[in-house]
Amino acid sequence: MPTLNPYRLFISHAWKYGERYESMIKLLDNANNFAYINYSIPEDKKFDRMNKEQLKEELRQQIRPAQVVVIIAGMYVAHSDWIQFEINVASALDKPILGVRQRGGQRVPDAVRSAADELVNWNTGSIVQAIRRLR
């Protein structure tokens, strides 16, 4: 089998809701014929001693090499200034944004709905196909 060219992803998340991020990582890790590089930082490697401006710059550096920015569209997004900042950076860098509805979720925050280039359900096939289309 030929070597897969990995997709470069930034997976937006709030460390407070790390279980959703971990579920997304497992879903992508188990996808058939799909390889990716994750430019986002999980909670266990979070930055403890950065001020707000340093964290903003770190987020810009994580998003810059990504081909697609994936946003898990839970309603907590509506209350997260950081996720809105990531959406703004992705838009400014002209990065496609993939919104992923939470498993069983019907509502999508307006911030994600209006920023997403594509919005899909929490389903491995749908997410992987959308990443392939958007990159």
N, C-alpha and C. Protein backbone atom coordinates (compact mmCIF):
# COMPACT_ATOMS: atom_id res chain seq x y z
N MET A 1 0.85 -1.18 0.00
CA MET A 1 0.00 0.00 0.00
C MET A 1 0.89 1.24 0.00
N PRO A 2 0.57 2.23 -0.82
CA PRO A 2 1.39 3.45 -0.85
C PRO A 2 1.28 4.23 0.46
N THR A 3 2.29 5.02 0.72
CA THR A 3 2.29 5.86 1.90
C THR A 3 1.26 6.97 1.73
N LEU A 4 0.50 7.20 2.78
CA LEU A 4 -0.51 8.25 2.74
C LEU A 4 0.13 9.61 3.02
N ASN A 5 -0.28 10.61 2.28
CA ASN A 5 0.16 11.97 2.52
C ASN A 5 -0.71 12.53 3.64
N PRO A 6 -0.13 12.85 4.79
CA PRO A 6 -0.98 13.27 5.92
C PRO A 6 -1.58 14.66 5.72
N TYR A 7 -2.81 14.80 6.16
CA TYR A 7 -3.50 16.08 6.16
C TYR A 7 -3.04 16.85 7.40
N ARG A 8 -2.82 18.13 7.25
CA ARG A 8 -2.38 18.97 8.36
C ARG A 8 -3.61 19.65 8.97
N LEU A 9 -3.92 19.29 10.22
CA LEU A 9 -5.14 19.76 10.87
C LEU A 9 -4.85 20.54 12.14
N PHE A 10 -5.69 21.52 12.39
CA PHE A 10 -5.76 22.15 13.70
C PHE A 10 -7.16 21.85 14.20
N ILE A 11 -7.25 21.20 15.34
CA ILE A 11 -8.54 20.82 15.91
C ILE A 11 -8.82 21.75 17.08
N SER A 12 -9.72 22.67 16.86
CA SER A 12 -10.07 23.66 17.88
C SER A 12 -10.79 22.97 19.03
N HIS A 13 -10.46 23.38 20.23
CA HIS A 13 -11.10 22.77 21.39
C HIS A 13 -10.88 23.64 22.62
N ALA A 14 -11.69 23.38 23.62
CA ALA A 14 -11.52 24.02 24.91
C ALA A 14 -11.01 22.95 25.87
N TRP A 15 -9.92 23.23 26.55
CA TRP A 15 -9.37 22.24 27.46
C TRP A 15 -10.39 21.82 28.51
N LYS A 16 -11.30 22.70 28.83
CA LYS A 16 -12.35 22.40 29.81
C LYS A 16 -13.24 21.25 29.32
N TYR A 17 -13.32 21.07 27.99
CA TYR A 17 -14.15 20.02 27.39
C TYR A 17 -13.26 19.04 26.63
N GLY A 18 -12.19 18.61 27.26
CA GLY A 18 -11.19 17.77 26.63
C GLY A 18 -11.69 16.44 26.13
N GLU A 19 -12.76 15.92 26.72
CA GLU A 19 -13.27 14.61 26.29
C GLU A 19 -13.77 14.65 24.85
N ARG A 20 -14.30 15.77 24.42
CA ARG A 20 -14.76 15.89 23.03
C ARG A 20 -13.57 15.90 22.07
N TYR A 21 -12.53 16.59 22.46
CA TYR A 21 -11.30 16.62 21.68
C TYR A 21 -10.71 15.20 21.58
N GLU A 22 -10.62 14.52 22.71
CA GLU A 22 -10.07 13.15 22.72
C GLU A 22 -10.92 12.22 21.86
N SER A 23 -12.23 12.37 21.87
CA SER A 23 -13.10 11.56 21.02
C SER A 23 -12.84 11.83 19.54
N MET A 24 -12.60 13.09 19.20
CA MET A 24 -12.30 13.43 17.80
C MET A 24 -10.96 12.80 17.39
N ILE A 25 -9.97 12.86 18.26
CA ILE A 25 -8.66 12.27 17.96
C ILE A 25 -8.81 10.77 17.72
N LYS A 26 -9.55 10.08 18.57
CA LYS A 26 -9.77 8.64 18.40
C LYS A 26 -10.47 8.34 17.08
N LEU A 27 -11.46 9.14 16.76
CA LEU A 27 -12.19 8.95 15.51
C LEU A 27 -11.24 9.08 14.32
N LEU A 28 -10.42 10.12 14.30
CA LEU A 28 -9.49 10.31 13.19
C LEU A 28 -8.39 9.25 13.18
N ASP A 29 -7.91 8.86 14.36
CA ASP A 29 -6.88 7.83 14.44
C ASP A 29 -7.36 6.50 13.88
N ASN A 30 -8.65 6.22 14.01
CA ASN A 30 -9.20 4.94 13.58
C ASN A 30 -9.79 4.97 12.17
N ALA A 31 -9.72 6.12 11.51
CA ALA A 31 -10.26 6.22 10.14
C ALA A 31 -9.39 5.42 9.17
N ASN A 32 -10.03 4.70 8.27
CA ASN A 32 -9.31 3.90 7.28
C ASN A 32 -8.68 4.79 6.21
N ASN A 33 -7.48 4.44 5.80
CA ASN A 33 -6.78 5.15 4.72
C ASN A 33 -6.73 6.66 4.93
N PHE A 34 -6.43 7.05 6.15
CA PHE A 34 -6.40 8.47 6.49
C PHE A 34 -5.25 8.72 7.45
N ALA A 35 -4.41 9.66 7.12
CA ALA A 35 -3.31 10.05 7.99
C ALA A 35 -3.37 11.56 8.19
N TYR A 36 -2.98 12.00 9.37
CA TYR A 36 -3.03 13.43 9.63
C TYR A 36 -1.94 13.82 10.63
N ILE A 37 -1.62 15.09 10.61
CA ILE A 37 -0.75 15.70 11.60
C ILE A 37 -1.63 16.67 12.38
N ASN A 38 -1.60 16.56 13.68
CA ASN A 38 -2.42 17.39 14.54
C ASN A 38 -1.57 18.54 15.08
N TYR A 39 -1.90 19.76 14.70
CA TYR A 39 -1.15 20.93 15.15
C TYR A 39 -1.71 21.55 16.42
N SER A 40 -2.82 21.04 16.93
CA SER A 40 -3.37 21.58 18.16
C SER A 40 -2.70 20.90 19.36
N ILE A 41 -2.81 21.53 20.51
CA ILE A 41 -2.15 21.06 21.71
C ILE A 41 -3.20 20.53 22.69
N PRO A 42 -3.07 19.25 23.11
CA PRO A 42 -4.02 18.70 24.08
C PRO A 42 -3.78 19.26 25.49
N GLU A 43 -4.74 19.03 26.35
CA GLU A 43 -4.69 19.59 27.71
C GLU A 43 -3.45 19.16 28.47
N ASP A 44 -3.01 17.92 28.28
CA ASP A 44 -1.86 17.45 29.05
C ASP A 44 -0.54 18.11 28.63
N LYS A 45 -0.58 18.89 27.55
CA LYS A 45 0.61 19.62 27.11
C LYS A 45 0.36 21.12 27.05
N LYS A 46 -0.67 21.57 27.77
CA LYS A 46 -1.05 22.97 27.69
C LYS A 46 0.04 23.89 28.23
N PHE A 47 -0.07 25.14 27.84
CA PHE A 47 0.91 26.16 28.21
C PHE A 47 0.48 26.79 29.53
N ASP A 48 1.27 26.61 30.54
CA ASP A 48 0.89 27.12 31.85
C ASP A 48 1.34 28.55 32.12
N ARG A 49 2.42 28.96 31.52
CA ARG A 49 3.00 30.23 31.93
C ARG A 49 3.01 31.26 30.81
N MET A 50 2.00 31.26 30.00
CA MET A 50 1.92 32.26 28.92
C MET A 50 0.88 33.30 29.29
N ASN A 51 1.20 34.54 28.94
CA ASN A 51 0.18 35.56 29.10
C ASN A 51 -0.75 35.49 27.88
N LYS A 52 -1.76 36.30 27.88
CA LYS A 52 -2.79 36.24 26.83
C LYS A 52 -2.20 36.49 25.45
N GLU A 53 -1.33 37.46 25.30
CA GLU A 53 -0.74 37.76 23.99
C GLU A 53 0.17 36.64 23.52
N GLN A 54 0.92 36.04 24.42
CA GLN A 54 1.78 34.91 24.05
C GLN A 54 0.95 33.72 23.60
N LEU A 55 -0.16 33.47 24.29
CA LEU A 55 -1.03 32.37 23.90
C LEU A 55 -1.66 32.63 22.53
N LYS A 56 -2.05 33.85 22.28
CA LYS A 56 -2.61 34.19 20.96
C LYS A 56 -1.58 33.92 19.86
N GLU A 57 -0.35 34.31 20.09
CA GLU A 57 0.70 34.07 19.09
C GLU A 57 0.95 32.58 18.91
N GLU A 58 0.93 31.82 19.99
CA GLU A 58 1.11 30.36 19.90
C GLU A 58 -0.02 29.74 19.08
N LEU A 59 -1.23 30.18 19.29
CA LEU A 59 -2.36 29.67 18.51
C LEU A 59 -2.20 30.02 17.03
N ARG A 60 -1.77 31.22 16.74
CA ARG A 60 -1.52 31.59 15.33
C ARG A 60 -0.49 30.65 14.70
N GLN A 61 0.57 30.33 15.45
CA GLN A 61 1.62 29.44 14.94
C GLN A 61 1.11 28.02 14.74
N GLN A 62 0.15 27.59 15.53
CA GLN A 62 -0.43 26.25 15.37
C GLN A 62 -1.36 26.21 14.16
N ILE A 63 -2.09 27.28 13.93
CA ILE A 63 -3.07 27.32 12.83
C ILE A 63 -2.37 27.55 11.49
N ARG A 64 -1.31 28.32 11.48
CA ARG A 64 -0.65 28.71 10.22
C ARG A 64 -0.33 27.52 9.31
N PRO A 65 0.28 26.42 9.76
CA PRO A 65 0.61 25.32 8.84
C PRO A 65 -0.57 24.39 8.51
N ALA A 66 -1.68 24.54 9.20
CA ALA A 66 -2.81 23.63 9.00
C ALA A 66 -3.46 23.84 7.63
N GLN A 67 -3.92 22.76 7.06
CA GLN A 67 -4.68 22.83 5.81
C GLN A 67 -6.16 23.03 6.09
N VAL A 68 -6.63 22.48 7.21
CA VAL A 68 -8.04 22.58 7.59
C VAL A 68 -8.11 22.81 9.10
N VAL A 69 -9.00 23.70 9.51
CA VAL A 69 -9.28 23.92 10.93
C VAL A 69 -10.60 23.23 11.23
N VAL A 70 -10.57 22.31 12.19
CA VAL A 70 -11.74 21.52 12.56
C VAL A 70 -12.28 22.09 13.88
N ILE A 71 -13.56 22.40 13.88
CA ILE A 71 -14.19 22.93 15.09
C ILE A 71 -15.32 22.01 15.50
N ILE A 72 -15.22 21.47 16.70
CA ILE A 72 -16.29 20.65 17.26
C ILE A 72 -17.37 21.63 17.73
N ALA A 73 -18.52 21.56 17.10
CA ALA A 73 -19.53 22.61 17.25
C ALA A 73 -20.47 22.39 18.42
N GLY A 74 -19.92 22.19 19.61
CA GLY A 74 -20.74 22.13 20.81
C GLY A 74 -21.18 23.53 21.20
N MET A 75 -22.20 23.62 21.99
CA MET A 75 -22.72 24.94 22.35
C MET A 75 -21.74 25.72 23.22
N TYR A 76 -20.74 25.04 23.83
CA TYR A 76 -19.75 25.77 24.60
C TYR A 76 -18.97 26.75 23.73
N VAL A 77 -18.93 26.51 22.42
CA VAL A 77 -18.23 27.41 21.50
C VAL A 77 -18.79 28.82 21.60
N ALA A 78 -20.09 28.91 21.81
CA ALA A 78 -20.73 30.22 21.89
C ALA A 78 -20.21 31.03 23.08
N HIS A 79 -19.60 30.35 24.04
CA HIS A 79 -19.12 31.03 25.25
C HIS A 79 -17.60 31.09 25.33
N SER A 80 -16.92 30.67 24.28
CA SER A 80 -15.47 30.62 24.34
C SER A 80 -14.83 31.71 23.47
N ASP A 81 -14.23 32.68 24.12
CA ASP A 81 -13.51 33.72 23.39
C ASP A 81 -12.32 33.13 22.64
N TRP A 82 -11.72 32.09 23.19
CA TRP A 82 -10.55 31.49 22.54
C TRP A 82 -10.93 30.80 21.24
N ILE A 83 -12.03 30.09 21.24
CA ILE A 83 -12.43 29.41 20.01
C ILE A 83 -12.84 30.44 18.97
N GLN A 84 -13.49 31.52 19.38
CA GLN A 84 -13.79 32.60 18.44
C GLN A 84 -12.49 33.20 17.90
N PHE A 85 -11.50 33.35 18.74
CA PHE A 85 -10.19 33.85 18.28
C PHE A 85 -9.61 32.90 17.22
N GLU A 86 -9.69 31.60 17.45
CA GLU A 86 -9.19 30.62 16.48
C GLU A 86 -9.95 30.71 15.16
N ILE A 87 -11.25 30.90 15.23
CA ILE A 87 -12.05 31.08 14.01
C ILE A 87 -11.57 32.32 13.27
N ASN A 88 -11.36 33.40 13.99
CA ASN A 88 -10.90 34.65 13.38
C ASN A 88 -9.54 34.49 12.72
N VAL A 89 -8.62 33.79 13.40
CA VAL A 89 -7.28 33.57 12.84
C VAL A 89 -7.38 32.71 11.58
N ALA A 90 -8.15 31.63 11.66
CA ALA A 90 -8.32 30.75 10.50
C ALA A 90 -8.87 31.54 9.31
N SER A 91 -9.85 32.38 9.55
CA SER A 91 -10.43 33.19 8.48
C SER A 91 -9.41 34.17 7.92
N ALA A 92 -8.65 34.82 8.80
CA ALA A 92 -7.65 35.78 8.35
C ALA A 92 -6.56 35.11 7.52
N LEU A 93 -6.25 33.86 7.84
CA LEU A 93 -5.22 33.11 7.11
C LEU A 93 -5.80 32.35 5.92
N ASP A 94 -7.09 32.54 5.69
CA ASP A 94 -7.79 31.88 4.59
C ASP A 94 -7.73 30.36 4.68
N LYS A 95 -7.88 29.85 5.90
CA LYS A 95 -7.90 28.40 6.14
C LYS A 95 -9.35 27.93 6.11
N PRO A 96 -9.62 26.83 5.41
CA PRO A 96 -10.99 26.32 5.43
C PRO A 96 -11.35 25.82 6.83
N ILE A 97 -12.59 26.03 7.20
CA ILE A 97 -13.09 25.63 8.52
C ILE A 97 -14.14 24.55 8.34
N LEU A 98 -13.92 23.45 9.05
CA LEU A 98 -14.87 22.34 9.06
C LEU A 98 -15.56 22.33 10.41
N GLY A 99 -16.86 22.56 10.42
CA GLY A 99 -17.64 22.45 11.64
C GLY A 99 -18.17 21.03 11.77
N VAL A 100 -18.03 20.45 12.95
CA VAL A 100 -18.51 19.09 13.20
C VAL A 100 -19.53 19.15 14.33
N ARG A 101 -20.77 18.77 14.01
CA ARG A 101 -21.81 18.73 15.04
C ARG A 101 -21.43 17.66 16.06
N GLN A 102 -21.69 17.96 17.32
CA GLN A 102 -21.47 16.96 18.36
C GLN A 102 -22.34 15.76 18.10
N ARG A 103 -21.88 14.61 18.54
CA ARG A 103 -22.67 13.39 18.40
C ARG A 103 -24.05 13.62 19.00
N GLY A 104 -25.06 13.45 18.19
CA GLY A 104 -26.44 13.63 18.63
C GLY A 104 -26.87 15.08 18.76
N GLY A 105 -25.99 16.00 18.48
CA GLY A 105 -26.32 17.42 18.63
C GLY A 105 -27.11 17.94 17.45
N GLN A 106 -28.08 18.76 17.72
CA GLN A 106 -28.88 19.38 16.67
C GLN A 106 -28.52 20.84 16.48
N ARG A 107 -28.21 21.51 17.58
CA ARG A 107 -27.93 22.94 17.52
C ARG A 107 -26.44 23.17 17.25
N VAL A 108 -26.18 24.19 16.47
CA VAL A 108 -24.81 24.60 16.15
C VAL A 108 -24.71 26.09 16.46
N PRO A 109 -23.69 26.50 17.20
CA PRO A 109 -23.55 27.92 17.50
C PRO A 109 -23.45 28.75 16.21
N ASP A 110 -24.04 29.93 16.24
CA ASP A 110 -24.01 30.81 15.07
C ASP A 110 -22.58 31.09 14.61
N ALA A 111 -21.65 31.23 15.57
CA ALA A 111 -20.25 31.52 15.21
C ALA A 111 -19.68 30.44 14.31
N VAL A 112 -20.01 29.19 14.60
CA VAL A 112 -19.50 28.08 13.78
C VAL A 112 -20.28 27.99 12.48
N ARG A 113 -21.58 28.10 12.56
CA ARG A 113 -22.41 28.02 11.36
C ARG A 113 -21.99 29.06 10.32
N SER A 114 -21.74 30.27 10.76
CA SER A 114 -21.40 31.33 9.80
C SER A 114 -19.95 31.23 9.31
N ALA A 115 -19.05 30.66 10.10
CA ALA A 115 -17.64 30.59 9.70
C ALA A 115 -17.30 29.33 8.91
N ALA A 116 -18.07 28.26 9.11
CA ALA A 116 -17.71 26.96 8.53
C ALA A 116 -17.88 26.95 7.01
N ASP A 117 -16.86 26.43 6.35
CA ASP A 117 -16.96 26.20 4.91
C ASP A 117 -17.80 24.95 4.65
N GLU A 118 -17.82 24.07 5.63
CA GLU A 118 -18.64 22.87 5.54
C GLU A 118 -19.01 22.47 6.97
N LEU A 119 -20.20 21.92 7.14
CA LEU A 119 -20.71 21.48 8.44
C LEU A 119 -21.18 20.04 8.28
N VAL A 120 -20.63 19.13 9.10
CA VAL A 120 -20.98 17.72 8.98
C VAL A 120 -21.37 17.16 10.34
N ASN A 121 -22.01 15.99 10.30
CA ASN A 121 -22.35 15.27 11.52
C ASN A 121 -21.13 14.54 12.06
N TRP A 122 -21.21 14.13 13.32
CA TRP A 122 -20.15 13.39 13.99
C TRP A 122 -20.16 11.97 13.45
N ASN A 123 -19.46 11.79 12.36
CA ASN A 123 -19.41 10.50 11.67
C ASN A 123 -18.06 10.43 10.96
N THR A 124 -17.34 9.35 11.17
CA THR A 124 -15.98 9.24 10.62
C THR A 124 -15.94 9.52 9.13
N GLY A 125 -16.80 8.86 8.37
CA GLY A 125 -16.81 9.03 6.92
C GLY A 125 -17.08 10.47 6.51
N SER A 126 -18.06 11.10 7.13
CA SER A 126 -18.40 12.48 6.80
C SER A 126 -17.26 13.44 7.10
N ILE A 127 -16.62 13.25 8.24
CA ILE A 127 -15.53 14.14 8.64
C ILE A 127 -14.34 13.98 7.72
N VAL A 128 -13.93 12.74 7.46
CA VAL A 128 -12.77 12.48 6.61
C VAL A 128 -13.02 12.98 5.18
N GLN A 129 -14.19 12.71 4.65
CA GLN A 129 -14.51 13.18 3.29
C GLN A 129 -14.48 14.70 3.21
N ALA A 130 -15.00 15.36 4.23
CA ALA A 130 -15.01 16.83 4.23
C ALA A 130 -13.59 17.38 4.31
N ILE A 131 -12.73 16.77 5.14
CA ILE A 131 -11.33 17.21 5.21
C ILE A 131 -10.69 17.07 3.84
N ARG A 132 -10.91 15.97 3.16
CA ARG A 132 -10.34 15.76 1.84
C ARG A 132 -10.84 16.82 0.84
N ARG A 133 -12.11 17.15 0.92
CA ARG A 133 -12.65 18.15 0.00
C ARG A 133 -12.09 19.53 0.28
N LEU A 134 -11.94 19.87 1.55
CA LEU A 134 -11.57 21.22 1.93
C LEU A 134 -10.09 21.54 1.77
N ARG A 135 -9.25 20.56 1.83
CA ARG A 135 -7.81 20.86 1.77
C ARG A 135 -7.44 21.26 0.40
